[in-house]
C-alpha atoms as a PDB file:
ATOM      1  CA  UNK A   1      44.816 -36.024  89.339  1.00  0.00           C
ATOM      2  CA  UNK A   2      43.800 -39.044  87.256  1.00  0.00           C
ATOM      3  CA  UNK A   3      41.386 -36.861  85.208  1.00  0.00           C
ATOM      4  CA  UNK A   4      44.142 -34.282  84.544  1.00  0.00           C
ATOM      5  CA  UNK A   5      46.549 -37.031  83.465  1.00  0.00           C
ATOM      6  CA  UNK A   6      43.895 -38.478  81.149  1.00  0.00           C
ATOM      7  CA  UNK A   7      43.161 -35.050  79.632  1.00  0.00           C
ATOM      8  CA  UNK A   8      46.824 -34.415  78.957  1.00  0.00           C
ATOM      9  CA  UNK A   9      47.089 -37.822  77.365  1.00  0.00           C
ATOM     10  CA  UNK A  10      44.106 -37.115  75.099  1.00  0.00           C
ATOM     11  CA  UNK A  11      45.552 -33.747  74.033  1.00  0.00           C
ATOM     12  CA  UNK A  12      48.929 -35.316  73.325  1.00  0.00           C
ATOM     13  CA  UNK A  13      47.354 -38.082  71.280  1.00  0.00           C
ATOM     14  CA  UNK A  14      45.340 -35.534  69.293  1.00  0.00           C
ATOM     15  CA  UNK A  15      48.452 -33.481  68.477  1.00  0.00           C
ATOM     16  CA  UNK A  16      50.322 -36.636  67.460  1.00  0.00           C
ATOM     17  CA  UNK A  17      47.511 -37.765  65.135  1.00  0.00           C
ATOM     18  CA  UNK A  18      47.285 -34.287  63.573  1.00  0.00           C
ATOM     19  CA  UNK A  19      51.002 -34.205  62.948  1.00  0.00           C
ATOM     20  CA  UNK A  20      50.894 -37.697  61.441  1.00  0.00           C
ATOM     21  CA  UNK A  21      47.996 -36.743  59.155  1.00  0.00           C
ATOM     22  CA  UNK A  22      49.818 -33.593  58.065  1.00  0.00           C
ATOM     23  CA  UNK A  23      52.908 -35.593  57.244  1.00  0.00           C
ATOM     24  CA  UNK A  24      50.903 -38.064  55.181  1.00  0.00           C
ATOM     25  CA  UNK A  25      49.199 -35.218  53.325  1.00  0.00           C
ATOM     26  CA  UNK A  26      52.540 -33.714  52.313  1.00  0.00           C
ATOM     27  CA  UNK A  27      53.810 -37.067  51.148  1.00  0.00           C
ATOM     28  CA  UNK A  28      50.807 -37.631  48.848  1.00  0.00           C
ATOM     29  CA  UNK A  29      50.875 -34.158  47.335  1.00  0.00           C
ATOM     30  CA  UNK A  30      54.592 -34.269  46.458  1.00  0.00           C
ATOM     31  CA  UNK A  31      54.695 -37.808  45.048  1.00  0.00           C
ATOM     32  CA  UNK A  32      55.285 -37.671  41.234  1.00  0.00           C
ATOM     33  CA  UNK A  33      52.614 -39.329  39.162  1.00  0.00           C
ATOM     34  CA  UNK A  34      53.521 -41.323  36.068  1.00  0.00           C
ATOM     35  CA  UNK A  35      50.279 -40.731  34.162  1.00  0.00           C
ATOM     36  CA  UNK A  36      50.634 -37.061  33.141  1.00  0.00           C
ATOM     37  CA  UNK A  37      54.341 -37.487  32.272  1.00  0.00           C
ATOM     38  CA  UNK A  38      53.585 -40.392  29.976  1.00  0.00           C
ATOM     39  CA  UNK A  39      50.796 -38.603  28.129  1.00  0.00           C
ATOM     40  CA  UNK A  40      52.692 -35.354  27.676  1.00  0.00           C
ATOM     41  CA  UNK A  41      56.041 -36.852  26.708  1.00  0.00           C
ATOM     42  CA  UNK A  42      56.894 -36.509  22.987  1.00  0.00           C
ATOM     43  CA  UNK A  43      56.507 -39.640  20.917  1.00  0.00           C
ATOM     44  CA  UNK A  44      59.668 -41.357  19.776  1.00  0.00           C
ATOM     45  CA  UNK A  45      60.424 -43.231  16.579  1.00  0.00           C
ATOM     46  CA  UNK A  46      59.133 -40.605  14.132  1.00  0.00           C
ATOM     47  CA  UNK A  47      60.312 -37.221  12.996  1.00  0.00           C
ATOM     48  CA  UNK A  48      57.735 -34.695  11.825  1.00  0.00           C
ATOM     49  CA  UNK A  49      58.716 -32.406   8.985  1.00  0.00           C
ATOM     50  CA  UNK A  50      57.248 -28.921   8.445  1.00  0.00           C
ATOM     51  CA  UNK A  51      55.184 -30.297   5.589  1.00  0.00           C
ATOM     52  CA  UNK A  52      53.920 -33.334   7.461  1.00  0.00           C
ATOM     53  CA  UNK A  53      50.370 -33.554   8.742  1.00  0.00           C
ATOM     54  CA  UNK A  54      48.799 -36.351  10.751  1.00  0.00           C
ATOM     55  CA  UNK A  55      45.849 -38.260   9.411  1.00  0.00           C
ATOM     56  CA  UNK A  56      43.175 -40.392  10.955  1.00  0.00           C
ATOM     57  CA  UNK A  57      43.716 -44.099  11.303  1.00  0.00           C
ATOM     58  CA  UNK A  58      42.060 -46.071   8.555  1.00  0.00           C
ATOM     59  CA  UNK A  59      42.796 -43.551   5.800  1.00  0.00           C
ATOM     60  CA  UNK A  60      43.486 -45.504   2.632  1.00  0.00           C
ATOM     61  CA  UNK A  61      46.962 -45.339   1.149  1.00  0.00           C
ATOM     62  CA  UNK A  62      47.378 -43.251  -1.984  1.00  0.00           C
ATOM     63  CA  UNK A  63      47.233 -45.560  -4.994  1.00  0.00           C
ATOM     64  CA  UNK A  64      48.185 -45.086  -8.632  1.00  0.00           C
ATOM     65  CA  UNK A  65      44.555 -44.894  -9.902  1.00  0.00           C
ATOM     66  CA  UNK A  66      44.054 -41.660  -7.927  1.00  0.00           C
ATOM     67  CA  UNK A  67      47.471 -40.065  -8.432  1.00  0.00           C
ATOM     68  CA  UNK A  68      48.694 -37.842 -11.238  1.00  0.00           C
ATOM     69  CA  UNK A  69      52.476 -37.725 -11.462  1.00  0.00           C
ATOM     70  CA  UNK A  70      54.495 -34.841 -12.900  1.00  0.00           C
ATOM     71  CA  UNK A  71      58.259 -34.833 -13.411  1.00  0.00           C
ATOM     72  CA  UNK A  72      59.891 -31.458 -14.120  1.00  0.00           C
ATOM     73  CA  UNK A  73      63.554 -30.797 -14.807  1.00  0.00           C
ATOM     74  CA  UNK A  74      65.011 -27.674 -13.226  1.00  0.00           C
ATOM     75  CA  UNK A  75      67.599 -25.282 -14.645  1.00  0.00           C
ATOM     76  CA  UNK A  76      69.206 -24.292 -11.342  1.00  0.00           C
ATOM     77  CA  UNK A  77      72.931 -25.041 -11.698  1.00  0.00           C
ATOM     78  CA  UNK A  78      73.880 -24.465  -8.072  1.00  0.00           C
ATOM     79  CA  UNK A  79      75.784 -27.277  -6.396  1.00  0.00           C
ATOM     80  CA  UNK A  80      73.093 -28.206  -3.846  1.00  0.00           C
ATOM     81  CA  UNK A  81      70.082 -27.474  -6.057  1.00  0.00           C
ATOM     82  CA  UNK A  82      67.770 -30.339  -7.033  1.00  0.00           C
ATOM     83  CA  UNK A  83      67.880 -31.596 -10.616  1.00  0.00           C
ATOM     84  CA  UNK A  84      64.135 -32.157 -10.921  1.00  0.00           C
ATOM     85  CA  UNK A  85      60.839 -32.105  -9.044  1.00  0.00           C
ATOM     86  CA  UNK A  86      58.432 -35.014  -8.784  1.00  0.00           C
ATOM     87  CA  UNK A  87      54.849 -34.208  -7.810  1.00  0.00           C
ATOM     88  CA  UNK A  88      51.854 -36.429  -7.119  1.00  0.00           C
ATOM     89  CA  UNK A  89      48.363 -34.915  -7.159  1.00  0.00           C
ATOM     90  CA  UNK A  90      45.436 -36.641  -5.475  1.00  0.00           C
ATOM     91  CA  UNK A  91      42.779 -36.827  -8.206  1.00  0.00           C
ATOM     92  CA  UNK A  92      40.339 -38.713  -5.986  1.00  0.00           C
ATOM     93  CA  UNK A  93      37.472 -37.283  -3.956  1.00  0.00           C
ATOM     94  CA  UNK A  94      38.842 -38.231  -0.529  1.00  0.00           C
ATOM     95  CA  UNK A  95      42.117 -37.731   1.369  1.00  0.00           C
ATOM     96  CA  UNK A  96      44.662 -40.518   1.155  1.00  0.00           C
ATOM     97  CA  UNK A  97      47.718 -41.434   3.202  1.00  0.00           C
ATOM     98  CA  UNK A  98      51.084 -40.782   1.594  1.00  0.00           C
ATOM     99  CA  UNK A  99      53.335 -42.451   4.144  1.00  0.00           C
ATOM    100  CA  UNK A 100      56.824 -42.769   2.744  1.00  0.00           C
ATOM    101  CA  UNK A 101      58.815 -42.070  -0.381  1.00  0.00           C
ATOM    102  CA  UNK A 102      57.802 -43.124  -3.896  1.00  0.00           C
ATOM    103  CA  UNK A 103      59.869 -45.671  -5.812  1.00  0.00           C
ATOM    104  CA  UNK A 104      61.423 -44.311  -9.022  1.00  0.00           C
ATOM    105  CA  UNK A 105      63.137 -46.400 -11.676  1.00  0.00           C
ATOM    106  CA  UNK A 106      64.827 -45.047 -14.801  1.00  0.00           C
ATOM    107  CA  UNK A 107      65.694 -47.757 -17.312  1.00  0.00           C
ATOM    108  CA  UNK A 108      66.113 -48.690 -20.948  1.00  0.00           C
ATOM    109  CA  UNK A 109      64.376 -51.949 -21.829  1.00  0.00           C
ATOM    110  CA  UNK A 110      66.054 -54.824 -20.023  1.00  0.00           C
ATOM    111  CA  UNK A 111      69.320 -52.911 -19.770  1.00  0.00           C
ATOM    112  CA  UNK A 112      70.762 -50.911 -16.879  1.00  0.00           C
ATOM    113  CA  UNK A 113      68.494 -49.066 -14.475  1.00  0.00           C
ATOM    114  CA  UNK A 114      68.803 -46.449 -11.740  1.00  0.00           C
ATOM    115  CA  UNK A 115      66.543 -46.485  -8.685  1.00  0.00           C
ATOM    116  CA  UNK A 116      65.691 -43.873  -6.077  1.00  0.00           C
ATOM    117  CA  UNK A 117      66.348 -43.721  -2.361  1.00  0.00           C
ATOM    118  CA  UNK A 118      65.653 -41.118   0.357  1.00  0.00           C
ATOM    119  CA  UNK A 119      68.376 -38.546   0.868  1.00  0.00           C
ATOM    120  CA  UNK A 120      67.722 -38.583   4.626  1.00  0.00           C
ATOM    121  CA  UNK A 121      66.211 -41.213   6.905  1.00  0.00           C
ATOM    122  CA  UNK A 122      63.346 -38.927   7.902  1.00  0.00           C
ATOM    123  CA  UNK A 123      59.949 -40.569   8.180  1.00  0.00           C
ATOM    124  CA  UNK A 124      57.191 -39.224   5.942  1.00  0.00           C
ATOM    125  CA  UNK A 125      53.573 -39.312   7.119  1.00  0.00           C
ATOM    126  CA  UNK A 126      51.294 -37.117   5.042  1.00  0.00           C
ATOM    127  CA  UNK A 127      47.571 -36.675   4.542  1.00  0.00           C
ATOM    128  CA  UNK A 128      47.113 -35.788   0.882  1.00  0.00           C
ATOM    129  CA  UNK A 129      43.767 -34.043   0.477  1.00  0.00           C
ATOM    130  CA  UNK A 130      41.735 -34.252  -2.713  1.00  0.00           C
ATOM    131  CA  UNK A 131      43.071 -31.890  -5.365  1.00  0.00           C
ATOM    132  CA  UNK A 132      46.327 -31.260  -3.490  1.00  0.00           C
ATOM    133  CA  UNK A 133      49.837 -32.389  -4.374  1.00  0.00           C
ATOM    134  CA  UNK A 134      52.984 -33.574  -2.640  1.00  0.00           C
ATOM    135  CA  UNK A 135      56.295 -32.530  -4.218  1.00  0.00           C
ATOM    136  CA  UNK A 136      59.662 -34.269  -3.867  1.00  0.00           C
ATOM    137  CA  UNK A 137      62.963 -32.703  -4.997  1.00  0.00           C
ATOM    138  CA  UNK A 138      65.185 -35.128  -6.908  1.00  0.00           C
ATOM    139  CA  UNK A 139      68.961 -34.991  -6.670  1.00  0.00           C
ATOM    140  CA  UNK A 140      70.978 -36.767  -9.364  1.00  0.00           C
ATOM    141  CA  UNK A 141      73.646 -36.092 -11.969  1.00  0.00           C
ATOM    142  CA  UNK A 142      72.064 -35.273 -15.343  1.00  0.00           C
ATOM    143  CA  UNK A 143      75.103 -34.083 -17.286  1.00  0.00           C
ATOM    144  CA  UNK A 144      78.227 -36.133 -17.990  1.00  0.00           C
ATOM    145  CA  UNK A 145      81.616 -35.165 -16.674  1.00  0.00           C
ATOM    146  CA  UNK A 146      84.200 -33.940 -19.135  1.00  0.00           C
ATOM    147  CA  UNK A 147      85.246 -36.796 -21.417  1.00  0.00           C
ATOM    148  CA  UNK A 148      82.799 -39.007 -19.554  1.00  0.00           C
ATOM    149  CA  UNK A 149      79.516 -40.733 -20.284  1.00  0.00           C
ATOM    150  CA  UNK A 150      76.167 -41.349 -18.626  1.00  0.00           C
ATOM    151  CA  UNK A 151      74.929 -44.515 -16.968  1.00  0.00           C
ATOM    152  CA  UNK A 152      71.506 -43.963 -18.594  1.00  0.00           C
ATOM    153  CA  UNK A 153      72.105 -41.897 -21.766  1.00  0.00           C
ATOM    154  CA  UNK A 154      69.262 -39.696 -22.923  1.00  0.00           C
ATOM    155  CA  UNK A 155      69.786 -40.846 -26.520  1.00  0.00           C
ATOM    156  CA  UNK A 156      68.395 -44.256 -25.579  1.00  0.00           C
ATOM    157  CA  UNK A 157      65.001 -42.719 -24.689  1.00  0.00           C
ATOM    158  CA  UNK A 158      64.832 -44.145 -21.148  1.00  0.00           C
ATOM    159  CA  UNK A 159      61.539 -44.633 -19.366  1.00  0.00           C
ATOM    160  CA  UNK A 160      60.661 -43.455 -15.863  1.00  0.00           C
ATOM    161  CA  UNK A 161      58.311 -45.520 -13.707  1.00  0.00           C
ATOM    162  CA  UNK A 162      56.937 -44.269 -10.404  1.00  0.00           C
ATOM    163  CA  UNK A 163      55.216 -46.303  -7.705  1.00  0.00           C
ATOM    164  CA  UNK A 164      53.589 -44.808  -4.589  1.00  0.00           C
ATOM    165  CA  UNK A 165      54.679 -45.906  -1.118  1.00  0.00           C
ATOM    166  CA  UNK A 166      52.796 -48.830   0.435  1.00  0.00           C
ATOM    167  CA  UNK A 167      51.232 -49.639  -2.919  1.00  0.00           C
ATOM    168  CA  UNK A 168      48.766 -52.511  -3.192  1.00  0.00           C
ATOM    169  CA  UNK A 169      49.952 -55.885  -4.453  1.00  0.00           C
ATOM    170  CA  UNK A 170      48.736 -55.242  -8.000  1.00  0.00           C
ATOM    171  CA  UNK A 171      49.629 -51.549  -8.106  1.00  0.00           C
ATOM    172  CA  UNK A 172      52.562 -51.488 -10.494  1.00  0.00           C
ATOM    173  CA  UNK A 173      52.808 -47.712 -10.653  1.00  0.00           C
ATOM    174  CA  UNK A 174      52.746 -45.459 -13.698  1.00  0.00           C
ATOM    175  CA  UNK A 175      55.078 -43.876 -16.213  1.00  0.00           C
ATOM    176  CA  UNK A 176      56.155 -40.262 -15.774  1.00  0.00           C
ATOM    177  CA  UNK A 177      57.423 -38.117 -18.627  1.00  0.00           C
ATOM    178  CA  UNK A 178      60.242 -35.690 -17.847  1.00  0.00           C
ATOM    179  CA  UNK A 179      59.557 -32.170 -19.113  1.00  0.00           C
ATOM    180  CA  UNK A 180      61.168 -28.779 -18.732  1.00  0.00           C
ATOM    181  CA  UNK A 181      59.604 -25.812 -16.930  1.00  0.00           C
ATOM    182  CA  UNK A 182      57.624 -24.982 -20.102  1.00  0.00           C
ATOM    183  CA  UNK A 183      56.154 -28.471 -20.424  1.00  0.00           C
ATOM    184  CA  UNK A 184      58.386 -29.574 -23.295  1.00  0.00           C
ATOM    185  CA  UNK A 185      59.505 -33.182 -23.282  1.00  0.00           C
ATOM    186  CA  UNK A 186      63.169 -33.789 -22.440  1.00  0.00           C
ATOM    187  CA  UNK A 187      65.114 -37.065 -22.173  1.00  0.00           C
ATOM    188  CA  UNK A 188      65.483 -38.538 -18.698  1.00  0.00           C
ATOM    189  CA  UNK A 189      69.255 -38.774 -18.715  1.00  0.00           C
ATOM    190  CA  UNK A 190      71.007 -40.042 -15.588  1.00  0.00           C
ATOM    191  CA  UNK A 191      74.797 -39.894 -15.439  1.00  0.00           C
ATOM    192  CA  UNK A 192      75.207 -41.183 -11.889  1.00  0.00           C
ATOM    193  CA  UNK A 193      74.093 -44.421 -10.302  1.00  0.00           C
ATOM    194  CA  UNK A 194      71.538 -43.093  -7.815  1.00  0.00           C
ATOM    195  CA  UNK A 195      68.571 -40.745  -7.546  1.00  0.00           C
ATOM    196  CA  UNK A 196      68.049 -39.193  -4.122  1.00  0.00           C
ATOM    197  CA  UNK A 197      64.668 -37.978  -2.890  1.00  0.00           C
ATOM    198  CA  UNK A 198      64.590 -34.908  -0.677  1.00  0.00           C
ATOM    199  CA  UNK A 199      62.021 -33.947   1.949  1.00  0.00           C
ATOM    200  CA  UNK A 200      58.493 -33.496   0.544  1.00  0.00           C
ATOM    201  CA  UNK A 201      56.276 -30.425   0.605  1.00  0.00           C
ATOM    202  CA  UNK A 202      52.504 -30.227   0.384  1.00  0.00           C
ATOM    203  CA  UNK A 203      50.864 -27.922  -2.136  1.00  0.00           C
END
């Protein structure tokens, strides 16, 4: 009788341990893990545009010595069409980082000036390969209103200076000459008080 009682006790203990182990196994397998969710979650704080491409850390910023600027006025008269296009070509032998918007200033001597600003607060992070260009549409008023004038009249032969984003301390930028689609020089007339930069495209 004692042996039978002991055997039943052993069997009962075995079943209890098996059930406990099974319960623990289910608990472990259904517990959410933080690691995979953190690595697969999208990064915040930056917005990628269709033209944006990531670049390796340590890539030098694009500087004026290795950039060729081109400023072209457009003839599209539609309301939302850009007034001009600004392009920067990497003339160096290595890729460079073009992270941000260039700084544009249109001025006449020490007189009034008009500066640029992004049209949208979208971050720009581009890898500009050697021989390739990044193009920014420019939105500004180039013709005066009826019976009105221009803040920077073209008759005063204004100058246009362009400086790349994150330029070095002694990188003062370069001058860009406004031309038409055929390459003919035209005055850089600005009738408003701001120049807006649209989203860039790589070419």
